[in-house]
Amino acid sequence: MEVLKELKYTKEHEWIKLEADNTAYVGITDYAQKELGDIVFVEIETVGEELNQQAVFGTVEAVKTVSDLYLPVSAKILEVNADLAKDPATVNADPYGKGWMVKIALQKPEQIAELLSAEQYEALIK
């Protein structure tokens, strides 16, 4: 199970990668994609919306289940990874890279401190 040290994590298995300009990328973890199995559809229709921390920003559908996607911090959804509409299995193949789900503009950057470090997340999934 891959857990990247430079990311922050949620107990719901999302990750967030901060950029220098108060934007960030969000996706699901390697653990989450393995638990879900083969991902067949990603639905995110919240572009342009301002959502609170822990709000559902979309869903990911696997062969056996559908799972909500939760926003790690309060933010505006700037962009959805359009490549996932054509190839949702990218989330399985590269969850921390090409399988990112949304780009966001942070509204409350201080909420980052509430998220799990890589070490804390590793302890959670063991």
Protein backbone atom coordinates (compact mmCIF):
# COMPACT_ATOMS: atom_id res chain seq x y z
CA MET A 1 0.00 0.00 0.00
CA GLU A 2 1.55 3.26 -1.11
CA VAL A 3 1.28 6.33 1.14
CA LEU A 4 3.12 9.43 -0.06
CA LYS A 5 4.86 11.43 2.66
CA GLU A 6 4.24 14.85 1.07
CA LEU A 7 0.44 14.51 1.07
CA LYS A 8 -2.18 15.00 3.77
CA TYR A 9 -4.99 12.47 4.25
CA THR A 10 -8.52 12.08 5.61
CA LYS A 11 -10.03 9.24 7.61
CA GLU A 12 -12.37 8.75 4.62
CA HIS A 13 -9.34 7.90 2.42
CA GLU A 14 -8.97 11.07 0.38
CA TRP A 15 -5.60 12.75 -0.16
CA ILE A 16 -4.77 16.39 -0.78
CA LYS A 17 -1.67 17.81 -2.46
CA LEU A 18 -1.08 21.49 -1.77
CA GLU A 19 0.19 23.84 -4.46
CA ALA A 20 1.99 27.13 -3.80
CA ASP A 21 -0.90 29.35 -4.91
CA ASN A 22 -3.50 28.20 -2.33
CA THR A 23 -4.82 25.58 -4.71
CA ALA A 24 -4.67 21.84 -4.25
CA TYR A 25 -5.42 18.54 -5.93
CA VAL A 26 -7.65 15.91 -4.30
CA GLY A 27 -8.07 12.22 -5.01
CA ILE A 28 -8.56 8.89 -3.29
CA THR A 29 -5.75 6.90 -1.74
CA ASP A 30 -4.09 3.75 -2.97
CA TYR A 31 -5.76 1.93 -0.06
CA ALA A 32 -9.20 3.23 -1.09
CA GLN A 33 -8.86 2.24 -4.74
CA LYS A 34 -7.73 -1.25 -3.73
CA GLU A 35 -10.67 -1.62 -1.34
CA LEU A 36 -13.13 -0.45 -4.00
CA GLY A 37 -11.76 -2.68 -6.74
CA ASP A 38 -12.09 -1.90 -10.44
CA ILE A 39 -13.38 1.65 -10.81
CA VAL A 40 -15.84 1.97 -13.68
CA PHE A 41 -17.24 5.51 -13.27
CA VAL A 42 -16.37 8.78 -11.54
CA GLU A 43 -19.15 11.35 -11.21
CA ILE A 44 -18.28 14.88 -10.12
CA GLU A 45 -20.74 17.65 -10.97
CA THR A 46 -19.62 20.27 -8.45
CA VAL A 47 -17.31 22.45 -10.60
CA GLY A 48 -17.69 26.08 -9.60
CA GLU A 49 -19.32 25.24 -6.29
CA GLU A 50 -18.03 26.32 -2.90
CA LEU A 51 -18.28 23.41 -0.48
CA ASN A 52 -17.55 22.99 3.21
CA GLN A 53 -15.03 20.59 4.66
CA GLN A 54 -16.35 17.00 4.56
CA ALA A 55 -19.03 17.85 1.99
CA VAL A 56 -19.64 15.23 -0.70
CA PHE A 57 -18.16 16.52 -3.96
CA GLY A 58 -18.86 13.46 -6.10
CA THR A 59 -19.01 9.69 -6.24
CA VAL A 60 -16.81 6.89 -7.48
CA GLU A 61 -18.41 3.71 -8.77
CA ALA A 62 -16.68 0.36 -8.70
CA VAL A 63 -17.96 -2.98 -9.96
CA LYS A 64 -19.48 -3.85 -6.56
CA THR A 65 -20.21 -0.50 -4.89
CA VAL A 66 -20.62 3.27 -5.12
CA SER A 67 -18.71 5.47 -2.69
CA ASP A 68 -19.05 9.17 -1.87
CA LEU A 69 -16.06 11.48 -2.23
CA TYR A 70 -15.52 13.90 0.67
CA LEU A 71 -13.74 17.25 0.47
CA PRO A 72 -10.77 17.37 2.88
CA VAL A 73 -11.07 21.15 3.39
CA SER A 74 -13.56 23.91 2.61
CA ALA A 75 -12.91 24.93 -0.97
CA LYS A 76 -14.21 25.97 -4.37
CA ILE A 77 -14.07 23.22 -7.00
CA LEU A 78 -12.03 24.68 -9.86
CA GLU A 79 -11.61 21.73 -12.17
CA VAL A 80 -12.46 18.06 -12.59
CA ASN A 81 -9.98 15.62 -14.10
CA ALA A 82 -11.67 15.21 -17.50
CA ASP A 83 -9.54 12.17 -18.31
CA LEU A 84 -11.47 10.14 -15.74
CA ALA A 85 -14.64 10.31 -17.87
CA LYS A 86 -12.83 8.44 -20.65
CA ASP A 87 -10.76 6.13 -18.44
CA PRO A 88 -11.95 5.88 -14.80
CA ALA A 89 -9.54 2.97 -14.23
CA THR A 90 -6.76 5.60 -14.16
CA VAL A 91 -7.69 5.97 -10.49
CA ASN A 92 -6.73 2.31 -9.96
CA ALA A 93 -3.52 2.57 -11.98
CA ASP A 94 -2.21 5.91 -10.65
CA PRO A 95 -4.28 7.20 -7.68
CA TYR A 96 -1.73 9.85 -6.64
CA GLY A 97 -0.83 11.05 -10.13
CA LYS A 98 -2.99 10.92 -13.25
CA GLY A 99 -5.92 9.64 -11.16
CA TRP A 100 -6.48 12.92 -9.29
CA MET A 101 -10.14 13.90 -9.10
CA VAL A 102 -10.50 17.66 -8.55
CA LYS A 103 -8.44 20.83 -8.38
CA ILE A 104 -9.64 23.16 -5.63
CA ALA A 105 -9.11 26.68 -4.26
CA LEU A 106 -8.74 26.51 -0.50
CA GLN A 107 -11.12 28.74 1.46
CA LYS A 108 -9.80 27.89 4.92
CA PRO A 109 -6.14 26.83 4.60
CA GLU A 110 -5.92 26.42 8.37
CA GLN A 111 -8.03 23.25 8.02
CA ILE A 112 -4.96 21.49 6.55
CA ALA A 113 -3.64 21.19 10.12
CA GLU A 114 -6.66 18.99 10.99
CA LEU A 115 -5.77 16.37 8.36
CA LEU A 116 -3.70 13.23 8.87
CA SER A 117 0.00 13.04 8.14
CA ALA A 118 1.29 10.11 6.09
CA GLU A 119 2.36 8.38 9.31
CA GLN A 120 -1.07 8.88 10.92
CA TYR A 121 -2.80 7.60 7.80
CA GLU A 122 -0.57 4.53 7.64
CA ALA A 123 -1.49 3.75 11.26
CA LEU A 124 -5.19 4.11 10.38
CA ILE A 125 -5.10 1.58 7.53
CA LYS A 126 -3.02 -1.09 9.27
